[in-house]
C-alpha cells in the first residue's frame, strides 16, 4: 500500500467540515430553530467530515 500524505486527509476534512458544520447555521439563525439543532448539526458535521476525508484519502491514487 502506498504511503499517504497527511495533506490528503487535512484538506478534504477542512472543506467538508466547513460545508457540513456551517450548513445548519441558517436554520438556527433565520428560521428560529433551537440552538440544540445547530449543536447537533455541528457534531454531525465533524463526523461526516472525518468520514469524507477518510474515503477520499483511501480512494486517492
N, C-alpha and C. Protein backbone atom coordinates (compact mmCIF):
# COMPACT_ATOMS: atom_id res chain seq x y z
N UNK A 1 0.85 -1.18 0.00
CA UNK A 1 0.00 0.00 0.00
C UNK A 1 0.89 1.23 0.00
N UNK A 2 0.64 2.20 -0.89
CA UNK A 2 1.48 3.38 -0.94
C UNK A 2 1.27 4.28 0.27
N UNK A 3 2.32 5.00 0.60
CA UNK A 3 2.25 5.89 1.74
C UNK A 3 1.38 7.10 1.42
N UNK A 4 0.48 7.46 2.32
CA UNK A 4 -0.47 8.54 2.10
C UNK A 4 0.03 9.78 2.83
N UNK A 5 0.06 10.89 2.10
CA UNK A 5 0.48 12.15 2.69
C UNK A 5 -0.64 12.69 3.58
N UNK A 6 -0.29 13.31 4.69
CA UNK A 6 -1.28 13.81 5.65
C UNK A 6 -2.14 14.92 5.06
N UNK A 7 -1.63 15.62 4.06
CA UNK A 7 -2.40 16.70 3.43
C UNK A 7 -3.63 16.13 2.74
N UNK A 8 -3.55 14.90 2.28
CA UNK A 8 -4.70 14.27 1.64
C UNK A 8 -5.83 14.03 2.64
N UNK A 9 -5.55 14.05 3.92
CA UNK A 9 -6.59 13.94 4.94
C UNK A 9 -7.06 15.32 5.40
N UNK A 10 -6.14 16.25 5.57
CA UNK A 10 -6.47 17.53 6.18
C UNK A 10 -7.28 18.43 5.26
N UNK A 11 -6.88 18.57 4.01
CA UNK A 11 -7.59 19.48 3.12
C UNK A 11 -9.04 19.05 2.87
N UNK A 12 -9.31 17.81 2.53
CA UNK A 12 -10.72 17.42 2.38
C UNK A 12 -11.51 17.52 3.69
N UNK A 13 -10.86 17.27 4.80
CA UNK A 13 -11.56 17.38 6.08
C UNK A 13 -11.93 18.83 6.37
N UNK A 14 -11.07 19.76 6.03
CA UNK A 14 -11.39 21.18 6.24
C UNK A 14 -12.54 21.64 5.36
N UNK A 15 -12.47 21.27 4.10
CA UNK A 15 -13.52 21.69 3.16
C UNK A 15 -14.85 21.04 3.54
N UNK A 16 -14.83 19.75 3.75
CA UNK A 16 -16.07 19.05 4.12
C UNK A 16 -16.58 19.53 5.48
N UNK A 17 -15.67 19.79 6.40
CA UNK A 17 -16.08 20.29 7.71
C UNK A 17 -16.74 21.65 7.62
N UNK A 18 -16.21 22.51 6.79
CA UNK A 18 -16.82 23.83 6.61
C UNK A 18 -18.22 23.70 6.03
N UNK A 19 -18.37 22.84 5.05
CA UNK A 19 -19.68 22.67 4.41
C UNK A 19 -20.67 22.01 5.36
N UNK A 20 -20.27 20.91 5.98
CA UNK A 20 -21.19 20.17 6.83
C UNK A 20 -21.49 20.91 8.13
N UNK A 21 -20.51 21.57 8.72
CA UNK A 21 -20.72 22.23 10.02
C UNK A 21 -21.44 23.57 9.90
N UNK A 22 -21.20 24.28 8.83
CA UNK A 22 -21.84 25.58 8.68
C UNK A 22 -23.22 25.49 8.03
N UNK A 23 -23.58 24.33 7.53
CA UNK A 23 -24.88 24.16 6.88
C UNK A 23 -26.08 24.39 7.78
N UNK A 24 -26.09 23.89 9.01
CA UNK A 24 -27.27 24.07 9.87
C UNK A 24 -27.42 25.49 10.45
N UNK A 25 -26.41 26.33 10.33
CA UNK A 25 -26.47 27.64 10.95
C UNK A 25 -27.61 28.52 10.46
N UNK A 26 -27.90 28.60 9.16
CA UNK A 26 -29.03 29.43 8.75
C UNK A 26 -30.36 28.96 9.35
N UNK A 27 -30.52 27.66 9.53
CA UNK A 27 -31.73 27.16 10.15
C UNK A 27 -31.89 27.66 11.58
N UNK A 28 -30.78 27.77 12.28
CA UNK A 28 -30.82 28.23 13.66
C UNK A 28 -31.00 29.75 13.73
N UNK A 29 -30.31 30.47 12.88
CA UNK A 29 -30.35 31.93 12.95
C UNK A 29 -31.62 32.52 12.34
N UNK A 30 -31.96 32.11 11.14
CA UNK A 30 -33.01 32.78 10.40
C UNK A 30 -34.38 32.13 10.53
N UNK A 31 -34.42 30.84 10.84
CA UNK A 31 -35.70 30.15 10.88
C UNK A 31 -36.16 29.85 12.31
N UNK A 32 -35.40 30.32 13.28
CA UNK A 32 -35.81 30.23 14.67
C UNK A 32 -35.78 28.84 15.27
N UNK A 33 -34.97 27.96 14.74
CA UNK A 33 -34.86 26.63 15.34
C UNK A 33 -34.02 26.71 16.61
N UNK A 34 -34.14 25.72 17.44
CA UNK A 34 -33.43 25.71 18.72
C UNK A 34 -31.93 25.62 18.51
N UNK A 35 -31.18 26.13 19.50
CA UNK A 35 -29.73 26.08 19.39
C UNK A 35 -29.22 24.63 19.45
N UNK A 36 -30.02 23.75 20.00
CA UNK A 36 -29.66 22.32 20.01
C UNK A 36 -29.54 21.79 18.58
N UNK A 37 -30.37 22.29 17.68
CA UNK A 37 -30.32 21.92 16.27
C UNK A 37 -28.95 22.28 15.68
N UNK A 38 -28.46 23.47 16.00
CA UNK A 38 -27.16 23.89 15.48
C UNK A 38 -26.03 23.06 16.10
N UNK A 39 -26.12 22.77 17.37
CA UNK A 39 -25.07 21.99 18.04
C UNK A 39 -25.01 20.56 17.50
N UNK A 40 -26.15 19.91 17.36
CA UNK A 40 -26.14 18.55 16.84
C UNK A 40 -25.72 18.53 15.37
N UNK A 41 -26.09 19.56 14.62
CA UNK A 41 -25.64 19.65 13.23
C UNK A 41 -24.13 19.83 13.14
N UNK A 42 -23.56 20.58 14.08
CA UNK A 42 -22.11 20.79 14.10
C UNK A 42 -21.38 19.49 14.43
N UNK A 43 -21.89 18.76 15.41
CA UNK A 43 -21.27 17.48 15.78
C UNK A 43 -21.38 16.48 14.63
N UNK A 44 -22.55 16.42 14.02
CA UNK A 44 -22.71 15.54 12.85
C UNK A 44 -21.78 15.96 11.72
N UNK A 45 -21.59 17.26 11.55
CA UNK A 45 -20.69 17.75 10.51
C UNK A 45 -19.26 17.31 10.73
N UNK A 46 -18.81 17.31 11.97
CA UNK A 46 -17.46 16.84 12.26
C UNK A 46 -17.30 15.36 11.93
N UNK A 47 -18.32 14.58 12.26
CA UNK A 47 -18.26 13.15 11.96
C UNK A 47 -18.28 12.92 10.46
N UNK A 48 -19.18 13.61 9.75
CA UNK A 48 -19.26 13.46 8.29
C UNK A 48 -17.98 13.92 7.61
N UNK A 49 -17.35 14.98 8.13
CA UNK A 49 -16.11 15.47 7.55
C UNK A 49 -14.99 14.44 7.71
N UNK A 50 -14.93 13.80 8.87
CA UNK A 50 -13.90 12.78 9.09
C UNK A 50 -14.12 11.59 8.16
N UNK A 51 -15.37 11.18 7.98
CA UNK A 51 -15.66 10.07 7.08
C UNK A 51 -15.33 10.44 5.64
N UNK A 52 -15.73 11.64 5.23
CA UNK A 52 -15.45 12.10 3.87
C UNK A 52 -13.96 12.16 3.61
N UNK A 53 -13.19 12.71 4.54
CA UNK A 53 -11.74 12.78 4.37
C UNK A 53 -11.12 11.39 4.31
N UNK A 54 -11.61 10.48 5.13
CA UNK A 54 -11.07 9.11 5.09
C UNK A 54 -11.36 8.40 3.79
N UNK A 55 -12.57 8.59 3.26
CA UNK A 55 -12.92 7.95 1.99
C UNK A 55 -12.09 8.54 0.85
N UNK A 56 -11.98 9.86 0.81
CA UNK A 56 -11.21 10.49 -0.26
C UNK A 56 -9.73 10.11 -0.19
N UNK A 57 -9.18 10.04 1.01
CA UNK A 57 -7.78 9.66 1.15
C UNK A 57 -7.57 8.19 0.77
N UNK A 58 -8.56 7.36 1.06
CA UNK A 58 -8.41 5.94 0.74
C UNK A 58 -8.51 5.71 -0.77
N UNK A 59 -9.31 6.50 -1.45
CA UNK A 59 -9.51 6.32 -2.88
C UNK A 59 -8.55 7.14 -3.74
N UNK A 60 -7.73 7.98 -3.08
CA UNK A 60 -6.80 8.81 -3.83
C UNK A 60 -5.74 7.93 -4.48
N UNK A 61 -5.44 8.19 -5.76
CA UNK A 61 -4.48 7.31 -6.45
C UNK A 61 -3.06 7.42 -5.92
